[in-house]
Amino acid sequence: NFSGSDPSTPSLVILASGGYGRRELSPG
């Protein structure tokens, strides 16, 4: 579980960036 809920364990986050991060996707 890498959600960061336990500060003694490692954590990970997946970020949407660019146009996907802005929720500005077009079909292509």
mmCIF file of all heavy atoms, coordinates in Angstrom:
data_MODEL
# 
_entry.id   MODEL 
# 
loop_
_atom_site.group_PDB 
_atom_site.id 
_atom_site.type_symbol 
_atom_site.label_atom_id 
_atom_site.label_alt_id 
_atom_site.label_comp_id 
_atom_site.label_asym_id 
_atom_site.label_entity_id 
_atom_site.label_seq_id 
_atom_site.pdbx_PDB_ins_code 
_atom_site.Cartn_x 
_atom_site.Cartn_y 
_atom_site.Cartn_z 
_atom_site.occupancy 
_atom_site.B_iso_or_equiv 
_atom_site.pdbx_formal_charge 
_atom_site.auth_seq_id 
_atom_site.auth_comp_id 
_atom_site.auth_asym_id 
_atom_site.auth_atom_id 
_atom_site.pdbx_PDB_model_num 
ATOM 1   N N   . ASN A 1 1  ? 0.864   -1.180 0.000   1.00 0.00 ? 1  ASN A N   1 
ATOM 2   C CA  . ASN A 1 1  ? 0.000   0.000  0.000   1.00 0.00 ? 1  ASN A CA  1 
ATOM 3   C C   . ASN A 1 1  ? 0.899   1.227  0.000   1.00 0.00 ? 1  ASN A C   1 
ATOM 4   O O   . ASN A 1 1  ? 1.618   1.476  0.960   1.00 0.00 ? 1  ASN A O   1 
ATOM 5   C CB  . ASN A 1 1  ? -0.903  -0.004 1.240   1.00 0.00 ? 1  ASN A CB  1 
ATOM 6   C CG  . ASN A 1 1  ? -1.790  1.222  1.318   1.00 0.00 ? 1  ASN A CG  1 
ATOM 7   O OD1 . ASN A 1 1  ? -1.777  2.073  0.433   1.00 0.00 ? 1  ASN A OD1 1 
ATOM 8   N ND2 . ASN A 1 1  ? -2.555  1.315  2.388   1.00 0.00 ? 1  ASN A ND2 1 
ATOM 9   N N   . PHE A 1 2  ? 0.873   1.982  -1.089  1.00 0.00 ? 2  PHE A N   1 
ATOM 10  C CA  . PHE A 1 2  ? 1.816   3.092  -1.247  1.00 0.00 ? 2  PHE A CA  1 
ATOM 11  C C   . PHE A 1 2  ? 1.086   4.440  -1.251  1.00 0.00 ? 2  PHE A C   1 
ATOM 12  O O   . PHE A 1 2  ? 1.509   5.389  -1.905  1.00 0.00 ? 2  PHE A O   1 
ATOM 13  C CB  . PHE A 1 2  ? 2.616   2.900  -2.534  1.00 0.00 ? 2  PHE A CB  1 
ATOM 14  C CG  . PHE A 1 2  ? 3.209   1.531  -2.649  1.00 0.00 ? 2  PHE A CG  1 
ATOM 15  C CD1 . PHE A 1 2  ? 2.638   0.569  -3.479  1.00 0.00 ? 2  PHE A CD1 1 
ATOM 16  C CD2 . PHE A 1 2  ? 4.314   1.179  -1.888  1.00 0.00 ? 2  PHE A CD2 1 
ATOM 17  C CE1 . PHE A 1 2  ? 3.177   -0.705 -3.566  1.00 0.00 ? 2  PHE A CE1 1 
ATOM 18  C CE2 . PHE A 1 2  ? 4.852   -0.093 -1.963  1.00 0.00 ? 2  PHE A CE2 1 
ATOM 19  C CZ  . PHE A 1 2  ? 4.281   -1.041 -2.809  1.00 0.00 ? 2  PHE A CZ  1 
ATOM 20  N N   . SER A 1 3  ? -0.010  4.507  -0.505  1.00 0.00 ? 3  SER A N   1 
ATOM 21  C CA  . SER A 1 3  ? -0.839  5.706  -0.493  1.00 0.00 ? 3  SER A CA  1 
ATOM 22  C C   . SER A 1 3  ? -0.282  6.804  0.395   1.00 0.00 ? 3  SER A C   1 
ATOM 23  O O   . SER A 1 3  ? -0.770  7.936  0.374   1.00 0.00 ? 3  SER A O   1 
ATOM 24  C CB  . SER A 1 3  ? -2.257  5.359  -0.019  1.00 0.00 ? 3  SER A CB  1 
ATOM 25  O OG  . SER A 1 3  ? -2.222  4.924  1.331   1.00 0.00 ? 3  SER A OG  1 
ATOM 26  N N   . GLY A 1 4  ? 0.729   6.475  1.202   1.00 0.00 ? 4  GLY A N   1 
ATOM 27  C CA  . GLY A 1 4  ? 1.296   7.462  2.109   1.00 0.00 ? 4  GLY A CA  1 
ATOM 28  C C   . GLY A 1 4  ? 0.572   7.567  3.430   1.00 0.00 ? 4  GLY A C   1 
ATOM 29  O O   . GLY A 1 4  ? 0.886   8.429  4.254   1.00 0.00 ? 4  GLY A O   1 
ATOM 30  N N   . SER A 1 5  ? -0.400  6.699  3.665   1.00 0.00 ? 5  SER A N   1 
ATOM 31  C CA  . SER A 1 5  ? -1.153  6.745  4.928   1.00 0.00 ? 5  SER A CA  1 
ATOM 32  C C   . SER A 1 5  ? -0.259  6.389  6.123   1.00 0.00 ? 5  SER A C   1 
ATOM 33  O O   . SER A 1 5  ? -0.488  6.843  7.238   1.00 0.00 ? 5  SER A O   1 
ATOM 34  C CB  . SER A 1 5  ? -2.342  5.788  4.874   1.00 0.00 ? 5  SER A CB  1 
ATOM 35  O OG  . SER A 1 5  ? -1.919  4.470  4.552   1.00 0.00 ? 5  SER A OG  1 
ATOM 36  N N   . ASP A 1 6  ? 0.759   5.572  5.869   1.00 0.00 ? 6  ASP A N   1 
ATOM 37  C CA  . ASP A 1 6  ? 1.724   5.216  6.912   1.00 0.00 ? 6  ASP A CA  1 
ATOM 38  C C   . ASP A 1 6  ? 3.045   5.921  6.600   1.00 0.00 ? 6  ASP A C   1 
ATOM 39  O O   . ASP A 1 6  ? 3.722   5.583  5.623   1.00 0.00 ? 6  ASP A O   1 
ATOM 40  C CB  . ASP A 1 6  ? 1.932   3.701  6.944   1.00 0.00 ? 6  ASP A CB  1 
ATOM 41  C CG  . ASP A 1 6  ? 2.893   3.260  8.039   1.00 0.00 ? 6  ASP A CG  1 
ATOM 42  O OD1 . ASP A 1 6  ? 3.500   4.136  8.683   1.00 0.00 ? 6  ASP A OD1 1 
ATOM 43  O OD2 . ASP A 1 6  ? 3.042   2.040  8.236   1.00 0.00 ? 6  ASP A OD2 1 
ATOM 44  N N   . PRO A 1 7  ? 3.435   6.935  7.376   1.00 0.00 ? 7  PRO A N   1 
ATOM 45  C CA  . PRO A 1 7  ? 4.651   7.707  7.069   1.00 0.00 ? 7  PRO A CA  1 
ATOM 46  C C   . PRO A 1 7  ? 5.932   6.889  7.109   1.00 0.00 ? 7  PRO A C   1 
ATOM 47  O O   . PRO A 1 7  ? 6.970   7.333  6.607   1.00 0.00 ? 7  PRO A O   1 
ATOM 48  C CB  . PRO A 1 7  ? 4.655   8.802  8.155   1.00 0.00 ? 7  PRO A CB  1 
ATOM 49  C CG  . PRO A 1 7  ? 3.784   8.286  9.239   1.00 0.00 ? 7  PRO A CG  1 
ATOM 50  C CD  . PRO A 1 7  ? 2.762   7.426  8.581   1.00 0.00 ? 7  PRO A CD  1 
ATOM 51  N N   . SER A 1 8  ? 5.890   5.697  7.707   1.00 0.00 ? 8  SER A N   1 
ATOM 52  C CA  . SER A 1 8  ? 7.094   4.875  7.799   1.00 0.00 ? 8  SER A CA  1 
ATOM 53  C C   . SER A 1 8  ? 7.310   4.018  6.550   1.00 0.00 ? 8  SER A C   1 
ATOM 54  O O   . SER A 1 8  ? 8.338   3.354  6.429   1.00 0.00 ? 8  SER A O   1 
ATOM 55  C CB  . SER A 1 8  ? 7.012   3.969  9.033   1.00 0.00 ? 8  SER A CB  1 
ATOM 56  O OG  . SER A 1 8  ? 5.950   3.029  8.900   1.00 0.00 ? 8  SER A OG  1 
ATOM 57  N N   . THR A 1 9  ? 6.339   4.020  5.632   1.00 0.00 ? 9  THR A N   1 
ATOM 58  C CA  . THR A 1 9  ? 6.455   3.215  4.412   1.00 0.00 ? 9  THR A CA  1 
ATOM 59  C C   . THR A 1 9  ? 6.591   4.125  3.198   1.00 0.00 ? 9  THR A C   1 
ATOM 60  O O   . THR A 1 9  ? 6.164   5.282  3.218   1.00 0.00 ? 9  THR A O   1 
ATOM 61  C CB  . THR A 1 9  ? 5.222   2.314  4.236   1.00 0.00 ? 9  THR A CB  1 
ATOM 62  O OG1 . THR A 1 9  ? 4.046   3.126  4.131   1.00 0.00 ? 9  THR A OG1 1 
ATOM 63  C CG2 . THR A 1 9  ? 5.072   1.366  5.416   1.00 0.00 ? 9  THR A CG2 1 
ATOM 64  N N   . PRO A 1 10 ? 7.178   3.619  2.117   1.00 0.00 ? 10 PRO A N   1 
ATOM 65  C CA  . PRO A 1 10 ? 7.344   4.445  0.913   1.00 0.00 ? 10 PRO A CA  1 
ATOM 66  C C   . PRO A 1 10 ? 5.999   4.715  0.246   1.00 0.00 ? 10 PRO A C   1 
ATOM 67  O O   . PRO A 1 10 ? 5.027   3.980  0.451   1.00 0.00 ? 10 PRO A O   1 
ATOM 68  C CB  . PRO A 1 10 ? 8.241   3.581  0.016   1.00 0.00 ? 10 PRO A CB  1 
ATOM 69  C CG  . PRO A 1 10 ? 7.955   2.180  0.429   1.00 0.00 ? 10 PRO A CG  1 
ATOM 70  C CD  . PRO A 1 10 ? 7.734   2.258  1.926   1.00 0.00 ? 10 PRO A CD  1 
ATOM 71  N N   . SER A 1 11 ? 5.948   5.770  -0.527  1.00 0.00 ? 11 SER A N   1 
ATOM 72  C CA  . SER A 1 11 ? 4.707   6.117  -1.219  1.00 0.00 ? 11 SER A CA  1 
ATOM 73  C C   . SER A 1 11 ? 4.999   6.454  -2.681  1.00 0.00 ? 11 SER A C   1 
ATOM 74  O O   . SER A 1 11 ? 6.141   6.705  -3.069  1.00 0.00 ? 11 SER A O   1 
ATOM 75  C CB  . SER A 1 11 ? 3.996   7.291  -0.529  1.00 0.00 ? 11 SER A CB  1 
ATOM 76  O OG  . SER A 1 11 ? 4.844   8.417  -0.452  1.00 0.00 ? 11 SER A OG  1 
ATOM 77  N N   . LEU A 1 12 ? 3.924   6.465  -3.473  1.00 0.00 ? 12 LEU A N   1 
ATOM 78  C CA  . LEU A 1 12 ? 4.035   6.706  -4.905  1.00 0.00 ? 12 LEU A CA  1 
ATOM 79  C C   . LEU A 1 12 ? 2.783   7.432  -5.373  1.00 0.00 ? 12 LEU A C   1 
ATOM 80  O O   . LEU A 1 12 ? 1.692   7.186  -4.861  1.00 0.00 ? 12 LEU A O   1 
ATOM 81  C CB  . LEU A 1 12 ? 4.163   5.362  -5.650  1.00 0.00 ? 12 LEU A CB  1 
ATOM 82  C CG  . LEU A 1 12 ? 4.192   5.394  -7.179  1.00 0.00 ? 12 LEU A CG  1 
ATOM 83  C CD1 . LEU A 1 12 ? 5.520   5.947  -7.679  1.00 0.00 ? 12 LEU A CD1 1 
ATOM 84  C CD2 . LEU A 1 12 ? 3.975   3.973  -7.745  1.00 0.00 ? 12 LEU A CD2 1 
ATOM 85  N N   . VAL A 1 13 ? 2.942   8.340  -6.329  1.00 0.00 ? 13 VAL A N   1 
ATOM 86  C CA  . VAL A 1 13 ? 1.778   8.977  -6.923  1.00 0.00 ? 13 VAL A CA  1 
ATOM 87  C C   . VAL A 1 13 ? 1.937   8.974  -8.437  1.00 0.00 ? 13 VAL A C   1 
ATOM 88  O O   . VAL A 1 13 ? 3.045   9.127  -8.965  1.00 0.00 ? 13 VAL A O   1 
ATOM 89  C CB  . VAL A 1 13 ? 1.569   10.421 -6.406  1.00 0.00 ? 13 VAL A CB  1 
ATOM 90  C CG1 . VAL A 1 13 ? 2.717   11.346 -6.807  1.00 0.00 ? 13 VAL A CG1 1 
ATOM 91  C CG2 . VAL A 1 13 ? 0.242   10.979 -6.896  1.00 0.00 ? 13 VAL A CG2 1 
ATOM 92  N N   . ILE A 1 14 ? 0.835   8.751  -9.119  1.00 0.00 ? 14 ILE A N   1 
ATOM 93  C CA  . ILE A 1 14 ? 0.798   8.830  -10.576 1.00 0.00 ? 14 ILE A CA  1 
ATOM 94  C C   . ILE A 1 14 ? 0.079   10.123 -10.937 1.00 0.00 ? 14 ILE A C   1 
ATOM 95  O O   . ILE A 1 14 ? -1.077  10.323 -10.562 1.00 0.00 ? 14 ILE A O   1 
ATOM 96  C CB  . ILE A 1 14 ? 0.070   7.616  -11.184 1.00 0.00 ? 14 ILE A CB  1 
ATOM 97  C CG1 . ILE A 1 14 ? 0.771   6.327  -10.769 1.00 0.00 ? 14 ILE A CG1 1 
ATOM 98  C CG2 . ILE A 1 14 ? 0.025   7.725  -12.710 1.00 0.00 ? 14 ILE A CG2 1 
ATOM 99  C CD1 . ILE A 1 14 ? 0.054   5.070  -11.226 1.00 0.00 ? 14 ILE A CD1 1 
ATOM 100 N N   . LEU A 1 15 ? 0.780   10.991 -11.649 1.00 0.00 ? 15 LEU A N   1 
ATOM 101 C CA  . LEU A 1 15 ? 0.240   12.288 -12.026 1.00 0.00 ? 15 LEU A CA  1 
ATOM 102 C C   . LEU A 1 15 ? -0.171  12.304 -13.492 1.00 0.00 ? 15 LEU A C   1 
ATOM 103 O O   . LEU A 1 15 ? 0.548   11.782 -14.347 1.00 0.00 ? 15 LEU A O   1 
ATOM 104 C CB  . LEU A 1 15 ? 1.283   13.390 -11.815 1.00 0.00 ? 15 LEU A CB  1 
ATOM 105 C CG  . LEU A 1 15 ? 1.855   13.561 -10.412 1.00 0.00 ? 15 LEU A CG  1 
ATOM 106 C CD1 . LEU A 1 15 ? 2.957   14.619 -10.435 1.00 0.00 ? 15 LEU A CD1 1 
ATOM 107 C CD2 . LEU A 1 15 ? 0.770   13.950 -9.412  1.00 0.00 ? 15 LEU A CD2 1 
ATOM 108 N N   . ALA A 1 16 ? -1.325  12.895 -13.759 1.00 0.00 ? 16 ALA A N   1 
ATOM 109 C CA  . ALA A 1 16 ? -1.682  13.251 -15.134 1.00 0.00 ? 16 ALA A CA  1 
ATOM 110 C C   . ALA A 1 16 ? -1.062  14.609 -15.393 1.00 0.00 ? 16 ALA A C   1 
ATOM 111 O O   . ALA A 1 16 ? -1.217  15.527 -14.586 1.00 0.00 ? 16 ALA A O   1 
ATOM 112 C CB  . ALA A 1 16 ? -3.195  13.319 -15.293 1.00 0.00 ? 16 ALA A CB  1 
ATOM 113 N N   . SER A 1 17 ? -0.341  14.767 -16.490 1.00 0.00 ? 17 SER A N   1 
ATOM 114 C CA  . SER A 1 17 ? 0.316   16.035 -16.781 1.00 0.00 ? 17 SER A CA  1 
ATOM 115 C C   . SER A 1 17 ? -0.060  16.497 -18.179 1.00 0.00 ? 17 SER A C   1 
ATOM 116 O O   . SER A 1 17 ? -0.763  15.812 -18.922 1.00 0.00 ? 17 SER A O   1 
ATOM 117 C CB  . SER A 1 17 ? 1.841   15.903 -16.628 1.00 0.00 ? 17 SER A CB  1 
ATOM 118 O OG  . SER A 1 17 ? 2.336   14.800 -17.360 1.00 0.00 ? 17 SER A OG  1 
ATOM 119 N N   . GLY A 1 18 ? 0.399   17.703 -18.539 1.00 0.00 ? 18 GLY A N   1 
ATOM 120 C CA  . GLY A 1 18 ? 0.084   18.241 -19.859 1.00 0.00 ? 18 GLY A CA  1 
ATOM 121 C C   . GLY A 1 18 ? -1.413  18.418 -20.045 1.00 0.00 ? 18 GLY A C   1 
ATOM 122 O O   . GLY A 1 18 ? -2.150  18.749 -19.107 1.00 0.00 ? 18 GLY A O   1 
ATOM 123 N N   . GLY A 1 19 ? -1.881  18.195 -21.264 1.00 0.00 ? 19 GLY A N   1 
ATOM 124 C CA  . GLY A 1 19 ? -3.309  18.344 -21.563 1.00 0.00 ? 19 GLY A CA  1 
ATOM 125 C C   . GLY A 1 19 ? -4.169  17.383 -20.773 1.00 0.00 ? 19 GLY A C   1 
ATOM 126 O O   . GLY A 1 19 ? -5.303  17.720 -20.390 1.00 0.00 ? 19 GLY A O   1 
ATOM 127 N N   . TYR A 1 20 ? -3.645  16.189 -20.508 1.00 0.00 ? 20 TYR A N   1 
ATOM 128 C CA  . TYR A 1 20 ? -4.388  15.228 -19.692 1.00 0.00 ? 20 TYR A CA  1 
ATOM 129 C C   . TYR A 1 20 ? -4.536  15.761 -18.275 1.00 0.00 ? 20 TYR A C   1 
ATOM 130 O O   . TYR A 1 20 ? -5.590  15.628 -17.652 1.00 0.00 ? 20 TYR A O   1 
ATOM 131 C CB  . TYR A 1 20 ? -3.656  13.883 -19.724 1.00 0.00 ? 20 TYR A CB  1 
ATOM 132 C CG  . TYR A 1 20 ? -4.251  12.800 -18.868 1.00 0.00 ? 20 TYR A CG  1 
ATOM 133 C CD1 . TYR A 1 20 ? -5.622  12.697 -18.667 1.00 0.00 ? 20 TYR A CD1 1 
ATOM 134 C CD2 . TYR A 1 20 ? -3.427  11.850 -18.271 1.00 0.00 ? 20 TYR A CD2 1 
ATOM 135 C CE1 . TYR A 1 20 ? -6.161  11.691 -17.886 1.00 0.00 ? 20 TYR A CE1 1 
ATOM 136 C CE2 . TYR A 1 20 ? -3.963  10.827 -17.494 1.00 0.00 ? 20 TYR A CE2 1 
ATOM 137 C CZ  . TYR A 1 20 ? -5.324  10.758 -17.292 1.00 0.00 ? 20 TYR A CZ  1 
ATOM 138 O OH  . TYR A 1 20 ? -5.849  9.760  -16.515 1.00 0.00 ? 20 TYR A OH  1 
ATOM 139 N N   . GLY A 1 21 ? -3.491  16.395 -17.754 1.00 0.00 ? 21 GLY A N   1 
ATOM 140 C CA  . GLY A 1 21 ? -3.573  16.994 -16.424 1.00 0.00 ? 21 GLY A CA  1 
ATOM 141 C C   . GLY A 1 21 ? -4.609  18.097 -16.363 1.00 0.00 ? 21 GLY A C   1 
ATOM 142 O O   . GLY A 1 21 ? -5.280  18.268 -15.337 1.00 0.00 ? 21 GLY A O   1 
ATOM 143 N N   . ARG A 1 22 ? -4.775  18.841 -17.448 1.00 0.00 ? 22 ARG A N   1 
ATOM 144 C CA  . ARG A 1 22 ? -5.773  19.914 -17.496 1.00 0.00 ? 22 ARG A CA  1 
ATOM 145 C C   . ARG A 1 22 ? -7.177  19.392 -17.761 1.00 0.00 ? 22 ARG A C   1 
ATOM 146 O O   . ARG A 1 22 ? -8.120  20.161 -17.835 1.00 0.00 ? 22 ARG A O   1 
ATOM 147 C CB  . ARG A 1 22 ? -5.420  20.909 -18.614 1.00 0.00 ? 22 ARG A CB  1 
ATOM 148 C CG  . ARG A 1 22 ? -4.162  21.708 -18.390 1.00 0.00 ? 22 ARG A CG  1 
ATOM 149 C CD  . ARG A 1 22 ? -4.010  22.791 -19.462 1.00 0.00 ? 22 ARG A CD  1 
ATOM 150 N NE  . ARG A 1 22 ? -3.898  22.248 -20.805 1.00 0.00 ? 22 ARG A NE  1 
ATOM 151 C CZ  . ARG A 1 22 ? -2.774  21.856 -21.382 1.00 0.00 ? 22 ARG A CZ  1 
ATOM 152 N NH1 . ARG A 1 22 ? -1.632  21.916 -20.694 1.00 0.00 ? 22 ARG A NH1 1 
ATOM 153 N NH2 . ARG A 1 22 ? -2.749  21.382 -22.604 1.00 0.00 ? 22 ARG A NH2 1 
ATOM 154 N N   . ARG A 1 23 ? -7.327  18.093 -17.962 1.00 0.00 ? 23 ARG A N   1 
ATOM 155 C CA  . ARG A 1 23 ? -8.599  17.483 -18.388 1.00 0.00 ? 23 ARG A CA  1 
ATOM 156 C C   . ARG A 1 23 ? -9.050  18.109 -19.710 1.00 0.00 ? 23 ARG A C   1 
ATOM 157 O O   . ARG A 1 23 ? -10.222 18.421 -19.900 1.00 0.00 ? 23 ARG A O   1 
ATOM 158 C CB  . ARG A 1 23 ? -9.690  17.648 -17.330 1.00 0.00 ? 23 ARG A CB  1 
ATOM 159 C CG  . ARG A 1 23 ? -9.479  16.817 -16.078 1.00 0.00 ? 23 ARG A CG  1 
ATOM 160 C CD  . ARG A 1 23 ? -10.724 16.847 -15.199 1.00 0.00 ? 23 ARG A CD  1 
ATOM 161 N NE  . ARG A 1 23 ? -10.594 15.943 -14.059 1.00 0.00 ? 23 ARG A NE  1 
ATOM 162 C CZ  . ARG A 1 23 ? -10.146 16.318 -12.862 1.00 0.00 ? 23 ARG A CZ  1 
ATOM 163 N NH1 . ARG A 1 23 ? -9.785  17.576 -12.678 1.00 0.00 ? 23 ARG A NH1 1 
ATOM 164 N NH2 . ARG A 1 23 ? -10.062 15.456 -11.865 1.00 0.00 ? 23 ARG A NH2 1 
ATOM 165 N N   . GLU A 1 24 ? -8.093  18.250 -20.620 1.00 0.00 ? 24 GLU A N   1 
ATOM 166 C CA  . GLU A 1 24 ? -8.362  18.921 -21.880 1.00 0.00 ? 24 GLU A CA  1 
ATOM 167 C C   . GLU A 1 24 ? -8.070  17.988 -23.058 1.00 0.00 ? 24 GLU A C   1 
ATOM 168 O O   . GLU A 1 24 ? -7.576  18.422 -24.097 1.00 0.00 ? 24 GLU A O   1 
ATOM 169 C CB  . GLU A 1 24 ? -7.505  20.198 -21.976 1.00 0.00 ? 24 GLU A CB  1 
ATOM 170 C CG  . GLU A 1 24 ? -8.075  21.272 -22.870 1.00 0.00 ? 24 GLU A CG  1 
ATOM 171 C CD  . GLU A 1 24 ? -7.286  22.566 -22.766 1.00 0.00 ? 24 GLU A CD  1 
ATOM 172 O OE1 . GLU A 1 24 ? -6.133  22.620 -23.206 1.00 0.00 ? 24 GLU A OE1 1 
ATOM 173 O OE2 . GLU A 1 24 ? -7.852  23.534 -22.227 1.00 0.00 ? 24 GLU A OE2 1 
ATOM 174 N N   . LEU A 1 25 ? -8.372  16.720 -22.891 1.00 0.00 ? 25 LEU A N   1 
ATOM 175 C CA  . LEU A 1 25 ? -8.085  15.745 -23.932 1.00 0.00 ? 25 LEU A CA  1 
ATOM 176 C C   . LEU A 1 25 ? -9.009  15.923 -25.132 1.00 0.00 ? 25 LEU A C   1 
ATOM 177 O O   . LEU A 1 25 ? -10.205 16.178 -24.979 1.00 0.00 ? 25 LEU A O   1 
ATOM 178 C CB  . LEU A 1 25 ? -8.234  14.320 -23.392 1.00 0.00 ? 25 LEU A CB  1 
ATOM 179 C CG  . LEU A 1 25 ? -7.199  13.838 -22.380 1.00 0.00 ? 25 LEU A CG  1 
ATOM 180 C CD1 . LEU A 1 25 ? -7.512  12.408 -21.962 1.00 0.00 ? 25 LEU A CD1 1 
ATOM 181 C CD2 . LEU A 1 25 ? -5.785  13.937 -22.937 1.00 0.00 ? 25 LEU A CD2 1 
ATOM 182 N N   . SER A 1 26 ? -8.430  15.756 -26.313 1.00 0.00 ? 26 SER A N   1 
ATOM 183 C CA  . SER A 1 26 ? -9.193  15.602 -27.550 1.00 0.00 ? 26 SER A CA  1 
ATOM 184 C C   . SER A 1 26 ? -9.079  14.134 -27.966 1.00 0.00 ? 26 SER A C   1 
ATOM 185 O O   . SER A 1 26 ? -8.259  13.388 -27.407 1.00 0.00 ? 26 SER A O   1 
ATOM 186 C CB  . SER A 1 26 ? -8.641  16.525 -28.636 1.00 0.00 ? 26 SER A CB  1 
ATOM 187 O OG  . SER A 1 26 ? -9.056  17.862 -28.408 1.00 0.00 ? 26 SER A OG  1 
ATOM 188 N N   . PRO A 1 27 ? -9.889  13.694 -28.940 1.00 0.00 ? 27 PRO A N   1 
ATOM 189 C CA  . PRO A 1 27 ? -9.862  12.268 -29.307 1.00 0.00 ? 27 PRO A CA  1 
ATOM 190 C C   . PRO A 1 27 ? -8.481  11.721 -29.660 1.00 0.00 ? 27 PRO A C   1 
ATOM 191 O O   . PRO A 1 27 ? -8.188  10.564 -29.371 1.00 0.00 ? 27 PRO A O   1 
ATOM 192 C CB  . PRO A 1 27 ? -10.807 12.216 -30.506 1.00 0.00 ? 27 PRO A CB  1 
ATOM 193 C CG  . PRO A 1 27 ? -11.791 13.301 -30.242 1.00 0.00 ? 27 PRO A CG  1 
ATOM 194 C CD  . PRO A 1 27 ? -10.995 14.405 -29.609 1.00 0.00 ? 27 PRO A CD  1 
ATOM 195 N N   . GLY A 1 28 ? -7.617  12.529 -30.253 1.00 0.00 ? 28 GLY A N   1 
ATOM 196 C CA  . GLY A 1 28 ? -6.300  12.032 -30.647 1.00 0.00 ? 28 GLY A CA  1 
ATOM 197 C C   . GLY A 1 28 ? -5.170  12.486 -29.760 1.00 0.00 ? 28 GLY A C   1 
ATOM 198 O O   . GLY A 1 28 ? -3.996  12.307 -30.106 1.00 0.00 ? 28 GLY A O   1 
# 
